[in-house]
Amino acid sequence: MAADTDNATEQSKKPKKIKDRRHPDYVRCRSEPLIGSLTRKKRVCKTNAEWAEFTRKGSRESREFIDDMQAGQNSTP
């Protein structure tokens, strides 16, 4: 009887696996090539929310870089 209650509390402590791929806490993994290697890859896993922030940060930095480069071309010495 006590084993049943211990087993039930262990199951309640485990987080439920998220099956909805659009959920912000759903974990997605992708393989990225390692620089300097033709065959090795690095597996990166993040939640959807982390991937969205990663994409926003990369887009923001790219936009800033392009804006800085265009500003440098338009200025006269």
N, C-alpha and C. Protein backbone atom coordinates (compact mmCIF):
# COMPACT_ATOMS: atom_id res chain seq x y z
N MET A 1 0.82 -1.18 0.00
CA MET A 1 0.00 0.00 0.00
C MET A 1 0.86 1.26 0.00
N ALA A 2 1.92 1.26 0.81
CA ALA A 2 2.79 2.41 0.87
C ALA A 2 3.56 2.57 -0.43
N ALA A 3 3.87 1.46 -1.07
CA ALA A 3 4.58 1.51 -2.35
C ALA A 3 3.73 2.18 -3.41
N ASP A 4 2.42 1.97 -3.34
CA ASP A 4 1.52 2.61 -4.30
C ASP A 4 1.52 4.13 -4.14
N THR A 5 1.54 4.61 -2.90
CA THR A 5 1.53 6.06 -2.68
C THR A 5 2.87 6.66 -3.07
N ASP A 6 3.97 5.95 -2.81
CA ASP A 6 5.29 6.44 -3.22
C ASP A 6 5.38 6.53 -4.73
N ASN A 7 4.85 5.53 -5.41
CA ASN A 7 4.86 5.51 -6.87
C ASN A 7 4.00 6.64 -7.43
N ALA A 8 2.88 6.91 -6.80
CA ALA A 8 1.99 7.98 -7.25
C ALA A 8 2.64 9.35 -7.07
N THR A 9 3.37 9.55 -5.97
CA THR A 9 4.02 10.85 -5.76
C THR A 9 5.18 11.03 -6.73
N GLU A 10 5.87 9.96 -7.07
CA GLU A 10 6.95 10.06 -8.05
C GLU A 10 6.41 10.46 -9.41
N GLN A 11 5.28 9.89 -9.79
CA GLN A 11 4.69 10.22 -11.08
C GLN A 11 4.17 11.64 -11.11
N SER A 12 3.67 12.14 -9.98
CA SER A 12 3.16 13.50 -9.95
C SER A 12 4.29 14.52 -10.02
N LYS A 13 5.49 14.15 -9.58
CA LYS A 13 6.64 15.06 -9.64
C LYS A 13 7.20 15.18 -11.05
N LYS A 14 7.03 14.14 -11.87
CA LYS A 14 7.54 14.17 -13.23
C LYS A 14 6.75 15.17 -14.07
N PRO A 15 7.43 16.02 -14.83
CA PRO A 15 6.68 16.92 -15.71
C PRO A 15 6.07 16.12 -16.87
N LYS A 16 4.91 16.56 -17.32
CA LYS A 16 4.27 15.89 -18.44
C LYS A 16 5.00 16.24 -19.72
N LYS A 17 5.10 15.28 -20.60
CA LYS A 17 5.75 15.51 -21.89
C LYS A 17 4.80 16.31 -22.77
N ILE A 18 5.31 17.40 -23.33
CA ILE A 18 4.51 18.28 -24.17
C ILE A 18 4.50 17.71 -25.58
N LYS A 19 3.31 17.52 -26.12
CA LYS A 19 3.19 16.93 -27.45
C LYS A 19 2.83 17.95 -28.52
N ASP A 20 2.35 19.13 -28.11
CA ASP A 20 1.99 20.18 -29.06
C ASP A 20 3.26 20.88 -29.52
N ARG A 21 3.61 20.74 -30.79
CA ARG A 21 4.86 21.29 -31.31
C ARG A 21 4.90 22.81 -31.32
N ARG A 22 3.76 23.46 -31.17
CA ARG A 22 3.72 24.93 -31.16
C ARG A 22 3.82 25.49 -29.75
N HIS A 23 3.78 24.65 -28.74
CA HIS A 23 3.84 25.09 -27.34
C HIS A 23 5.21 25.73 -27.08
N PRO A 24 5.25 26.85 -26.33
CA PRO A 24 6.54 27.54 -26.09
C PRO A 24 7.56 26.68 -25.35
N ASP A 25 7.12 25.70 -24.57
CA ASP A 25 8.06 24.87 -23.82
C ASP A 25 8.40 23.55 -24.51
N TYR A 26 7.90 23.35 -25.73
CA TYR A 26 8.23 22.14 -26.49
C TYR A 26 9.70 22.22 -26.90
N VAL A 27 10.45 21.16 -26.67
CA VAL A 27 11.88 21.15 -26.97
C VAL A 27 12.11 20.64 -28.38
N ARG A 28 12.84 21.44 -29.15
CA ARG A 28 13.23 21.07 -30.52
C ARG A 28 14.75 20.96 -30.58
N CYS A 29 15.22 19.99 -31.33
CA CYS A 29 16.65 19.79 -31.51
C CYS A 29 16.99 19.90 -32.98
N ARG A 30 18.17 20.42 -33.25
CA ARG A 30 18.65 20.45 -34.63
C ARG A 30 20.16 20.26 -34.62
N SER A 31 20.67 19.79 -35.72
CA SER A 31 22.11 19.55 -35.86
C SER A 31 22.73 20.71 -36.61
N GLU A 32 23.83 21.22 -36.06
CA GLU A 32 24.55 22.31 -36.70
C GLU A 32 25.96 21.83 -37.02
N PRO A 33 26.46 22.14 -38.20
CA PRO A 33 27.81 21.70 -38.56
C PRO A 33 28.86 22.40 -37.70
N LEU A 34 29.92 21.67 -37.37
CA LEU A 34 31.03 22.25 -36.64
C LEU A 34 31.98 22.89 -37.64
N ILE A 35 32.41 24.08 -37.35
CA ILE A 35 33.33 24.79 -38.24
C ILE A 35 34.66 24.06 -38.24
N GLY A 36 35.18 23.82 -39.43
CA GLY A 36 36.45 23.13 -39.58
C GLY A 36 36.31 21.63 -39.77
N SER A 37 35.11 21.13 -39.75
CA SER A 37 34.88 19.71 -39.93
C SER A 37 33.85 19.50 -41.03
N LEU A 38 34.12 18.55 -41.90
CA LEU A 38 33.19 18.27 -42.98
C LEU A 38 32.06 17.34 -42.54
N THR A 39 32.31 16.53 -41.52
CA THR A 39 31.32 15.52 -41.16
C THR A 39 30.73 15.68 -39.76
N ARG A 40 31.45 16.27 -38.84
CA ARG A 40 30.96 16.36 -37.47
C ARG A 40 29.86 17.40 -37.35
N LYS A 41 28.91 17.09 -36.50
CA LYS A 41 27.79 18.00 -36.26
C LYS A 41 27.57 18.11 -34.76
N LYS A 42 27.01 19.23 -34.36
CA LYS A 42 26.69 19.47 -32.96
C LYS A 42 25.18 19.51 -32.82
N ARG A 43 24.63 18.76 -31.89
CA ARG A 43 23.18 18.73 -31.68
C ARG A 43 22.82 19.80 -30.65
N VAL A 44 21.93 20.71 -31.02
CA VAL A 44 21.50 21.80 -30.15
C VAL A 44 20.01 21.64 -29.88
N CYS A 45 19.65 21.61 -28.60
CA CYS A 45 18.24 21.47 -28.20
C CYS A 45 17.84 22.68 -27.38
N LYS A 46 16.72 23.29 -27.75
CA LYS A 46 16.17 24.44 -27.03
C LYS A 46 14.65 24.37 -27.11
N THR A 47 14.00 25.11 -26.22
CA THR A 47 12.54 25.20 -26.29
C THR A 47 12.16 26.13 -27.42
N ASN A 48 10.89 26.08 -27.83
CA ASN A 48 10.42 26.99 -28.88
C ASN A 48 10.64 28.44 -28.49
N ALA A 49 10.43 28.77 -27.21
CA ALA A 49 10.63 30.14 -26.75
C ALA A 49 12.10 30.55 -26.89
N GLU A 50 13.02 29.65 -26.56
CA GLU A 50 14.45 29.95 -26.68
C GLU A 50 14.86 30.09 -28.15
N TRP A 51 14.31 29.22 -29.03
CA TRP A 51 14.62 29.35 -30.46
C TRP A 51 14.10 30.68 -31.00
N ALA A 52 12.90 31.10 -30.56
CA ALA A 52 12.34 32.37 -31.03
C ALA A 52 13.23 33.53 -30.60
N GLU A 53 13.71 33.51 -29.36
CA GLU A 53 14.60 34.57 -28.88
C GLU A 53 15.93 34.54 -29.63
N PHE A 54 16.44 33.35 -29.90
CA PHE A 54 17.68 33.18 -30.67
C PHE A 54 17.53 33.80 -32.06
N THR A 55 16.40 33.56 -32.71
CA THR A 55 16.13 34.11 -34.04
C THR A 55 15.99 35.62 -33.98
N ARG A 56 15.25 36.12 -32.98
CA ARG A 56 15.08 37.58 -32.84
C ARG A 56 16.42 38.27 -32.63
N LYS A 57 17.26 37.68 -31.78
CA LYS A 57 18.57 38.27 -31.50
C LYS A 57 19.44 38.29 -32.75
N GLY A 58 19.44 37.19 -33.50
CA GLY A 58 20.23 37.12 -34.73
C GLY A 58 19.74 38.11 -35.77
N SER A 59 18.42 38.25 -35.89
CA SER A 59 17.86 39.20 -36.86
C SER A 59 18.20 40.63 -36.46
N ARG A 60 18.09 40.92 -35.15
CA ARG A 60 18.39 42.27 -34.66
C ARG A 60 19.86 42.62 -34.92
N GLU A 61 20.77 41.69 -34.63
CA GLU A 61 22.20 41.94 -34.84
C GLU A 61 22.52 42.09 -36.32
N SER A 62 21.89 41.31 -37.17
CA SER A 62 22.10 41.43 -38.62
C SER A 62 21.62 42.77 -39.13
N ARG A 63 20.44 43.19 -38.66
CA ARG A 63 19.88 44.47 -39.07
C ARG A 63 20.78 45.63 -38.63
N GLU A 64 21.30 45.56 -37.40
CA GLU A 64 22.21 46.60 -36.90
C GLU A 64 23.49 46.64 -37.74
N PHE A 65 24.02 45.49 -38.08
CA PHE A 65 25.23 45.43 -38.89
C PHE A 65 25.01 46.07 -40.26
N ILE A 66 23.90 45.72 -40.90
CA ILE A 66 23.59 46.28 -42.22
C ILE A 66 23.38 47.79 -42.13
N ASP A 67 22.67 48.24 -41.10
CA ASP A 67 22.45 49.68 -40.93
C ASP A 67 23.76 50.41 -40.72
N ASP A 68 24.66 49.83 -39.93
CA ASP A 68 25.97 50.45 -39.70
C ASP A 68 26.79 50.51 -40.99
N MET A 69 26.73 49.46 -41.79
CA MET A 69 27.48 49.43 -43.04
C MET A 69 26.92 50.45 -44.03
N GLN A 70 25.60 50.58 -44.09
CA GLN A 70 24.99 51.55 -45.00
C GLN A 70 25.28 52.97 -44.55
N ALA A 71 25.32 53.20 -43.27
CA ALA A 71 25.63 54.53 -42.75
C ALA A 71 27.08 54.89 -43.10
N GLY A 72 27.96 53.91 -43.09
CA GLY A 72 29.36 54.15 -43.44
C GLY A 72 29.53 54.48 -44.91
N GLN A 73 28.70 53.93 -45.78
CA GLN A 73 28.80 54.20 -47.21
C GLN A 73 28.23 55.56 -47.56
N ASN A 74 27.26 56.03 -46.82
CA ASN A 74 26.62 57.30 -47.13
C ASN A 74 27.38 58.50 -46.61
N SER A 75 28.25 58.32 -45.66
CA SER A 75 28.98 59.46 -45.10
C SER A 75 30.11 59.87 -46.03
N THR A 76 30.40 61.16 -46.07
CA THR A 76 31.48 61.68 -46.92
C THR A 76 32.64 62.10 -46.03
N PRO A 77 33.88 61.90 -46.48
CA PRO A 77 35.05 62.25 -45.65
C PRO A 77 35.28 63.72 -45.57
